[in-house]
């Protein structure tokens, strides 16, 4: 069989780490498997199995990797200047931009993607593994007898346009959700294709996680209590919810440093967090590590793992941190069911504060008794 898997990059993020586990289940000996990336880059690229051929999109890859900082320049270069007539048609969505920025942005992006040429070849199966943008690409630009989409996000956060997504869901034979909640919601929203939505949780390669976690972590050599969050810097991850809790704990005398490991895809949000930390005099206690090919060494070295997300389709990092036996604090996300020593809190700063304080007080008491 000829199988095409559509991706974006191999950055060290949850979807990419999940893909590596998924790739291990593929029969590379008896199938011709191609991983098509928008950009052939990322810290995890060397870990793609040798039996999978990796290619890069010949054009338009920047549309898939753009962020809030470069979106205007990318759209200008890749869409407006190359396809002015198509761009003119996309302008009809500008009034919608005023009413619903998210809906309009996706419609405009979709117009830009549709201007790309079809991908060469015909496949027995095409898998859109990286979520909605790859789903749109596979639906419109890939010829395949069977098409499967993976959704690594909660469908309703942020809100999505049912008319648009329903149109594309119908183009797929199967839509795999890593969240059971999303399956139930989508079956209710789209009852005529309810049977196409299935649930399959992300898996963790625990032996590999432990092996990579043995690497040294000099960044965390400190006497302070080390909090860790692994995730992209984006409001959905809830860093602004947890920051006041961390500030209050430091002001109460707890010696804490909070490490955040992950790429930034919202630089304005990061700047706000840094300004808030500076305002409270704790800027040196908030450490942005950035993207790394090995977040597991940080998980092994931390004292408490914190996941204050507003929404997670699954929350793979939390489950990975629990491999090292770490005490974890998180909002009510699906992977909490698999985490050991897990404190589930509400999506409020006060609830995060109380959970962390309870753990810290217990640890101090335990050390005193020893």
Protein backbone atom coordinates (compact mmCIF):
# COMPACT_ATOMS: atom_id res chain seq x y z
CA UNK A 1 0.00 0.00 0.00
CA UNK A 2 1.02 3.58 -0.67
CA UNK A 3 0.34 5.73 2.39
CA UNK A 4 0.79 9.49 2.70
CA UNK A 5 0.89 11.17 6.12
CA UNK A 6 0.45 14.93 6.11
CA UNK A 7 2.28 16.92 8.79
CA UNK A 8 3.65 20.38 9.49
CA UNK A 9 7.07 20.13 11.20
CA UNK A 10 8.75 17.75 13.61
CA UNK A 11 8.99 20.30 16.41
CA UNK A 12 9.21 18.89 19.93
CA UNK A 13 5.51 19.30 20.66
CA UNK A 14 2.71 16.97 21.70
CA UNK A 15 1.36 16.09 18.25
CA UNK A 16 4.85 15.38 16.94
CA UNK A 17 5.75 13.22 19.95
CA UNK A 18 2.47 11.38 19.52
CA UNK A 19 3.26 10.82 15.85
CA UNK A 20 6.54 9.08 16.70
CA UNK A 21 4.65 6.56 18.82
CA UNK A 22 2.05 6.15 16.06
CA UNK A 23 4.83 5.67 13.49
CA UNK A 24 6.19 2.71 15.43
CA UNK A 25 2.93 0.86 14.78
CA UNK A 26 3.18 1.27 11.01
CA UNK A 27 4.34 -1.62 8.81
CA UNK A 28 7.14 0.08 6.91
CA UNK A 29 8.40 -3.15 5.35
CA UNK A 30 5.23 -4.01 3.48
CA UNK A 31 3.99 -0.49 2.78
CA UNK A 32 5.41 2.53 1.00
CA UNK A 33 4.96 5.31 3.57
CA UNK A 34 5.67 8.99 2.94
CA UNK A 35 5.62 11.73 5.57
CA UNK A 36 4.92 15.04 3.85
CA UNK A 37 5.93 17.99 6.01
CA UNK A 38 5.18 21.63 5.34
CA UNK A 39 8.72 22.28 6.52
CA UNK A 40 11.30 19.53 6.88
CA UNK A 41 12.61 20.75 10.21
CA UNK A 42 12.22 20.33 13.95
CA UNK A 43 14.12 18.82 16.83
CA UNK A 44 12.32 15.47 16.45
CA UNK A 45 13.06 15.04 12.73
CA UNK A 46 15.99 12.63 13.35
CA UNK A 47 13.64 10.33 15.28
CA UNK A 48 11.32 9.61 12.33
CA UNK A 49 11.72 5.87 11.59
CA UNK A 50 14.10 5.07 8.72
CA UNK A 51 11.38 3.15 6.86
CA UNK A 52 9.33 6.32 6.40
CA UNK A 53 10.30 8.57 3.51
CA UNK A 54 10.21 12.24 4.54
CA UNK A 55 9.45 14.95 1.99
CA UNK A 56 8.88 18.70 2.15
CA UNK A 57 6.11 20.58 0.39
CA UNK A 58 7.41 22.15 -2.82
CA UNK A 59 5.48 25.36 -2.24
CA UNK A 60 3.22 26.97 0.33
CA UNK A 61 4.74 25.31 3.38
CA UNK A 62 5.03 28.67 5.12
CA UNK A 63 1.22 28.88 5.22
CA UNK A 64 1.21 25.96 7.66
CA UNK A 65 3.97 27.24 9.94
CA UNK A 66 3.01 30.92 10.12
CA UNK A 67 2.14 32.47 13.47
CA UNK A 68 0.67 35.72 14.74
CA UNK A 69 4.02 37.46 14.35
CA UNK A 70 4.54 36.74 10.64
CA UNK A 71 1.02 35.97 9.34
CA UNK A 72 0.63 39.20 7.36
CA UNK A 73 3.99 38.90 5.61
CA UNK A 74 3.47 35.20 4.82
CA UNK A 75 0.00 35.77 3.37
CA UNK A 76 1.32 38.68 1.32
CA UNK A 77 4.26 36.68 -0.05
CA UNK A 78 2.64 33.27 -0.49
CA UNK A 79 -0.88 34.30 -1.48
CA UNK A 80 -1.58 37.93 -2.37
CA UNK A 81 1.43 38.49 -4.64
CA UNK A 82 1.29 35.04 -6.26
CA UNK A 83 -2.47 34.75 -6.67
CA UNK A 84 -3.94 38.27 -6.64
CA UNK A 85 -7.31 37.24 -8.11
CA UNK A 86 -7.80 34.54 -5.46
CA UNK A 87 -6.73 37.01 -2.80
CA UNK A 88 -9.30 39.48 -4.07
CA UNK A 89 -12.02 36.83 -3.68
CA UNK A 90 -10.82 36.13 -0.13
CA UNK A 91 -11.36 39.79 0.74
CA UNK A 92 -15.07 39.03 1.07
CA UNK A 93 -14.29 37.52 4.48
CA UNK A 94 -12.89 40.78 5.87
CA UNK A 95 -16.28 41.95 7.23
CA UNK A 96 -16.55 38.61 9.04
CA UNK A 97 -13.12 39.37 10.57
CA UNK A 98 -14.73 42.18 12.57
CA UNK A 99 -17.47 39.91 13.96
CA UNK A 100 -15.49 36.69 14.42
CA UNK A 101 -11.74 36.95 13.95
CA UNK A 102 -11.11 33.20 14.27
CA UNK A 103 -13.70 32.15 11.70
CA UNK A 104 -12.54 34.78 9.20
CA UNK A 105 -8.85 33.96 9.66
CA UNK A 106 -9.46 30.28 8.90
CA UNK A 107 -11.56 31.11 5.82
CA UNK A 108 -8.84 33.42 4.49
CA UNK A 109 -6.17 30.80 5.22
CA UNK A 110 -8.26 28.20 3.42
CA UNK A 111 -8.44 30.42 0.31
CA UNK A 112 -4.65 30.69 0.40
CA UNK A 113 -4.21 26.92 0.78
CA UNK A 114 -6.59 26.22 -2.09
CA UNK A 115 -4.32 28.25 -4.38
CA UNK A 116 -1.60 25.60 -3.93
CA UNK A 117 -1.12 22.95 -6.64
CA UNK A 118 -2.35 19.38 -5.98
CA UNK A 119 0.19 17.05 -4.44
CA UNK A 120 1.71 14.62 -6.93
CA UNK A 121 0.74 10.96 -6.94
CA UNK A 122 -2.18 8.81 -5.89
CA UNK A 123 -2.34 6.90 -2.63
CA UNK A 124 -4.23 4.03 -1.12
CA UNK A 125 -4.58 6.00 2.10
CA UNK A 126 -3.87 9.59 3.13
CA UNK A 127 -3.65 10.49 6.80
CA UNK A 128 -3.98 14.10 7.99
CA UNK A 129 -2.24 13.59 11.32
CA UNK A 130 -1.48 17.19 12.38
CA UNK A 131 -5.04 18.43 12.82
CA UNK A 132 -7.28 20.81 10.94
CA UNK A 133 -4.87 22.50 8.52
CA UNK A 134 -3.52 19.16 7.32
CA UNK A 135 -7.12 17.91 7.16
CA UNK A 136 -8.05 20.73 4.77
CA UNK A 137 -4.93 20.07 2.69
CA UNK A 138 -5.50 16.32 2.38
CA UNK A 139 -9.16 16.84 1.53
CA UNK A 140 -8.47 19.34 -1.27
CA UNK A 141 -4.98 18.56 -2.54
CA UNK A 142 -4.31 14.82 -2.14
CA UNK A 143 -5.72 11.98 -4.24
CA UNK A 144 -6.33 8.87 -2.14
CA UNK A 145 -8.79 5.95 -2.03
CA UNK A 146 -9.18 6.37 1.73
CA UNK A 147 -8.72 9.46 3.87
CA UNK A 148 -8.28 9.64 7.64
CA UNK A 149 -8.08 12.77 9.79
CA UNK A 150 -6.70 13.02 13.35
CA UNK A 151 -7.92 15.77 15.64
CA UNK A 152 -5.40 16.61 18.37
CA UNK A 153 -7.52 19.38 19.87
CA UNK A 154 -10.79 20.01 21.67
CA UNK A 155 -13.22 20.90 18.89
CA UNK A 156 -14.99 23.66 20.85
CA UNK A 157 -11.90 25.49 22.15
CA UNK A 158 -11.39 27.84 20.53
CA UNK A 159 -14.82 27.78 18.83
CA UNK A 160 -14.84 26.50 15.26
CA UNK A 161 -17.23 27.09 12.39
CA UNK A 162 -19.50 24.05 12.17
CA UNK A 163 -20.50 24.73 8.56
CA UNK A 164 -16.87 24.75 7.42
CA UNK A 165 -15.68 21.77 9.45
CA UNK A 166 -18.79 19.75 8.68
CA UNK A 167 -18.14 20.22 4.97
CA UNK A 168 -14.62 18.82 5.34
CA UNK A 169 -15.46 16.04 7.78
CA UNK A 170 -17.71 14.61 5.07
CA UNK A 171 -14.66 14.21 2.80
CA UNK A 172 -13.04 11.72 5.20
CA UNK A 173 -13.75 8.06 5.76
CA UNK A 174 -12.66 8.28 9.39
CA UNK A 175 -11.98 11.07 11.89
CA UNK A 176 -9.90 9.98 14.89
CA UNK A 177 -10.21 12.06 18.06
CA UNK A 178 -7.81 11.72 20.98
CA UNK A 179 -10.53 13.10 23.25
CA UNK A 180 -13.62 11.02 24.05
CA UNK A 181 -15.44 14.27 24.83
CA UNK A 182 -14.79 15.53 21.29
CA UNK A 183 -16.16 12.31 19.79
CA UNK A 184 -19.40 12.65 21.73
CA UNK A 185 -19.72 16.33 20.81
CA UNK A 186 -19.00 15.79 17.11
CA UNK A 187 -21.40 12.87 16.85
CA UNK A 188 -24.11 15.13 18.28
CA UNK A 189 -23.25 18.04 15.98
CA UNK A 190 -22.96 15.91 12.83
CA UNK A 191 -25.36 12.96 13.32
CA UNK A 192 -25.42 12.06 9.60
CA UNK A 193 -21.73 11.06 9.79
CA UNK A 194 -21.64 10.06 13.46
CA UNK A 195 -20.16 6.66 12.64
CA UNK A 196 -17.01 8.21 11.18
CA UNK A 197 -15.86 9.70 14.50
CA UNK A 198 -13.75 7.35 16.60
CA UNK A 199 -11.75 7.67 19.79
CA UNK A 200 -8.13 6.65 20.19
CA UNK A 201 -5.98 7.99 22.99
CA UNK A 202 -2.41 9.10 22.45
CA UNK A 203 0.04 6.46 23.57
CA UNK A 204 3.30 6.95 25.45
CA UNK A 205 6.48 5.00 24.80
CA UNK A 206 7.48 4.79 28.46
CA UNK A 207 10.80 3.04 27.91
CA UNK A 208 11.91 5.75 25.44
CA UNK A 209 10.68 8.50 27.76
CA UNK A 210 12.73 7.07 30.64
CA UNK A 211 15.78 6.57 28.43
CA UNK A 212 15.75 10.16 27.15
CA UNK A 213 15.03 11.43 30.64
CA UNK A 214 18.40 10.17 31.84
CA UNK A 215 20.15 12.99 29.98
CA UNK A 216 21.60 15.69 32.27
CA UNK A 217 19.59 18.86 32.89
CA UNK A 218 21.99 21.62 33.98
CA UNK A 219 19.29 24.26 33.41
CA UNK A 220 17.52 23.00 36.53
CA UNK A 221 20.48 22.89 38.89
CA UNK A 222 19.01 25.03 41.65
CA UNK A 223 18.07 24.78 45.30
CA UNK A 224 14.63 26.16 44.51
CA UNK A 225 11.52 24.01 44.14
CA UNK A 226 11.32 23.39 40.41
CA UNK A 227 7.89 23.68 38.80
CA UNK A 228 7.68 22.55 35.17
CA UNK A 229 5.17 22.95 32.36
CA UNK A 230 5.76 21.49 28.90
CA UNK A 231 3.67 23.10 26.19
CA UNK A 232 3.63 25.82 23.58
CA UNK A 233 3.36 29.39 24.83
CA UNK A 234 -0.26 30.10 23.98
CA UNK A 235 -3.30 31.24 26.02
CA UNK A 236 -4.88 27.78 25.68
CA UNK A 237 -2.15 26.45 27.99
CA UNK A 238 -3.32 28.70 30.83
CA UNK A 239 0.00 30.16 31.95
CA UNK A 240 -1.77 33.38 32.91
CA UNK A 241 -4.04 31.36 35.20
CA UNK A 242 -1.10 29.83 37.06
CA UNK A 243 1.19 32.88 37.22
CA UNK A 244 -0.71 34.70 40.02
CA UNK A 245 -0.64 31.45 42.04
CA UNK A 246 3.13 31.19 41.63
CA UNK A 247 3.54 34.88 42.55
CA UNK A 248 1.48 34.42 45.72
CA UNK A 249 3.48 31.35 46.73
CA UNK A 250 6.78 33.21 46.27
CA UNK A 251 5.44 36.16 48.27
CA UNK A 252 4.44 33.70 50.99
CA UNK A 253 8.06 32.60 51.30
CA UNK A 254 8.21 29.50 49.10
CA UNK A 255 11.44 29.26 47.10
CA UNK A 256 10.07 28.45 43.64
CA UNK A 257 11.20 28.64 40.04
CA UNK A 258 8.80 27.90 37.21
CA UNK A 259 10.25 26.45 34.01
CA UNK A 260 8.26 26.49 30.77
CA UNK A 261 9.49 24.23 27.97
CA UNK A 262 7.99 24.65 24.52
CA UNK A 263 7.94 26.76 21.38
CA UNK A 264 6.19 30.15 21.39
CA UNK A 265 3.40 30.66 18.90
CA UNK A 266 1.95 33.79 20.56
CA UNK A 267 4.70 36.34 21.23
CA UNK A 268 2.25 38.96 22.50
CA UNK A 269 1.01 36.53 25.13
CA UNK A 270 4.56 35.70 26.21
CA UNK A 271 5.38 39.39 26.53
CA UNK A 272 2.32 39.87 28.74
CA UNK A 273 3.46 37.06 31.03
CA UNK A 274 6.94 38.55 31.26
CA UNK A 275 5.58 42.02 32.05
CA UNK A 276 3.29 40.62 34.73
CA UNK A 277 6.15 38.68 36.32
CA UNK A 278 8.33 41.81 36.20
CA UNK A 279 5.58 43.88 37.81
CA UNK A 280 5.45 41.48 40.75
CA UNK A 281 9.22 41.26 41.06
CA UNK A 282 9.47 37.57 40.14
CA UNK A 283 10.75 37.82 36.57
CA UNK A 284 13.89 35.79 37.38
CA UNK A 285 11.64 33.01 38.76
CA UNK A 286 9.84 32.54 35.41
CA UNK A 287 12.15 30.75 32.97
CA UNK A 288 11.18 30.19 29.33
CA UNK A 289 13.40 27.38 28.04
CA UNK A 290 11.97 27.36 24.53
CA UNK A 291 11.74 24.38 22.21
CA UNK A 292 13.91 21.35 22.94
CA UNK A 293 14.25 17.92 21.38
CA UNK A 294 14.25 16.32 24.83
CA UNK A 295 11.67 17.65 27.31
CA UNK A 296 11.99 14.43 29.31
CA UNK A 297 15.21 15.43 31.04
CA UNK A 298 13.29 18.42 32.44
CA UNK A 299 10.47 16.13 33.56
CA UNK A 300 12.91 13.90 35.41
CA UNK A 301 14.64 16.88 37.07
CA UNK A 302 11.55 18.82 38.15
CA UNK A 303 9.89 18.59 41.57
CA UNK A 304 6.28 19.28 40.55
CA UNK A 305 4.72 19.11 37.10
CA UNK A 306 2.07 21.78 36.45
CA UNK A 307 -0.46 21.76 33.58
CA UNK A 308 -2.94 24.67 33.99
CA UNK A 309 -4.47 24.31 30.50
CA UNK A 310 -7.77 25.85 29.55
CA UNK A 311 -8.28 22.98 27.13
CA UNK A 312 -6.45 19.82 26.08
CA UNK A 313 -7.59 17.16 23.65
CA UNK A 314 -5.58 14.73 25.73
CA UNK A 315 -2.54 16.29 27.45
CA UNK A 316 0.30 13.94 26.54
CA UNK A 317 2.96 15.84 28.51
CA UNK A 318 1.15 15.25 31.79
CA UNK A 319 1.10 11.50 31.22
CA UNK A 320 4.77 11.56 30.23
CA UNK A 321 5.72 13.43 33.40
CA UNK A 322 3.93 10.82 35.50
CA UNK A 323 6.27 8.19 34.00
CA UNK A 324 8.92 9.67 36.31
CA UNK A 325 6.60 9.47 39.31
CA UNK A 326 6.24 13.25 39.57
CA UNK A 327 3.52 14.86 41.61
CA UNK A 328 1.32 16.70 39.12
CA UNK A 329 -1.16 19.57 39.28
CA UNK A 330 -3.53 20.03 36.36
CA UNK A 331 -6.93 21.17 35.29
CA UNK A 332 -9.47 18.50 34.40
CA UNK A 333 -7.89 17.19 31.19
CA UNK A 334 -8.25 13.64 29.79
CA UNK A 335 -4.71 12.44 30.58
CA UNK A 336 -5.25 13.15 34.29
CA UNK A 337 -6.99 9.78 34.45
CA UNK A 338 -3.62 8.09 33.73
CA UNK A 339 -1.44 10.30 35.93
CA UNK A 340 -0.28 9.13 39.34
CA UNK A 341 -0.13 11.49 42.33
CA UNK A 342 -2.29 13.94 40.43
CA UNK A 343 -4.07 16.95 41.96
CA UNK A 344 -6.89 18.19 39.72
CA UNK A 345 -7.70 21.86 40.19
CA UNK A 346 -10.20 24.30 38.74
CA UNK A 347 -9.22 26.77 36.02
CA UNK A 348 -8.64 29.56 38.55
CA UNK A 349 -5.50 31.04 40.09
CA UNK A 350 -6.83 30.43 43.59
CA UNK A 351 -7.40 26.72 42.92
CA UNK A 352 -3.91 26.33 41.43
CA UNK A 353 -2.47 28.14 44.46
CA UNK A 354 -4.23 25.86 46.95
CA UNK A 355 -3.17 22.68 45.14
CA UNK A 356 0.47 23.73 44.90
CA UNK A 357 0.55 24.93 48.51
CA UNK A 358 -0.86 21.62 49.72
CA UNK A 359 1.88 19.71 47.89
CA UNK A 360 4.65 22.06 49.03
CA UNK A 361 3.55 21.94 52.66
CA UNK A 362 3.43 18.14 52.54
CA UNK A 363 6.93 17.98 51.04
CA UNK A 364 8.34 20.36 53.66
CA UNK A 365 6.72 18.36 56.44
CA UNK A 366 8.12 15.12 55.01
CA UNK A 367 11.64 16.59 54.84
CA UNK A 368 11.35 17.84 58.43
CA UNK A 369 10.30 14.41 59.67
CA UNK A 370 13.24 12.82 57.87
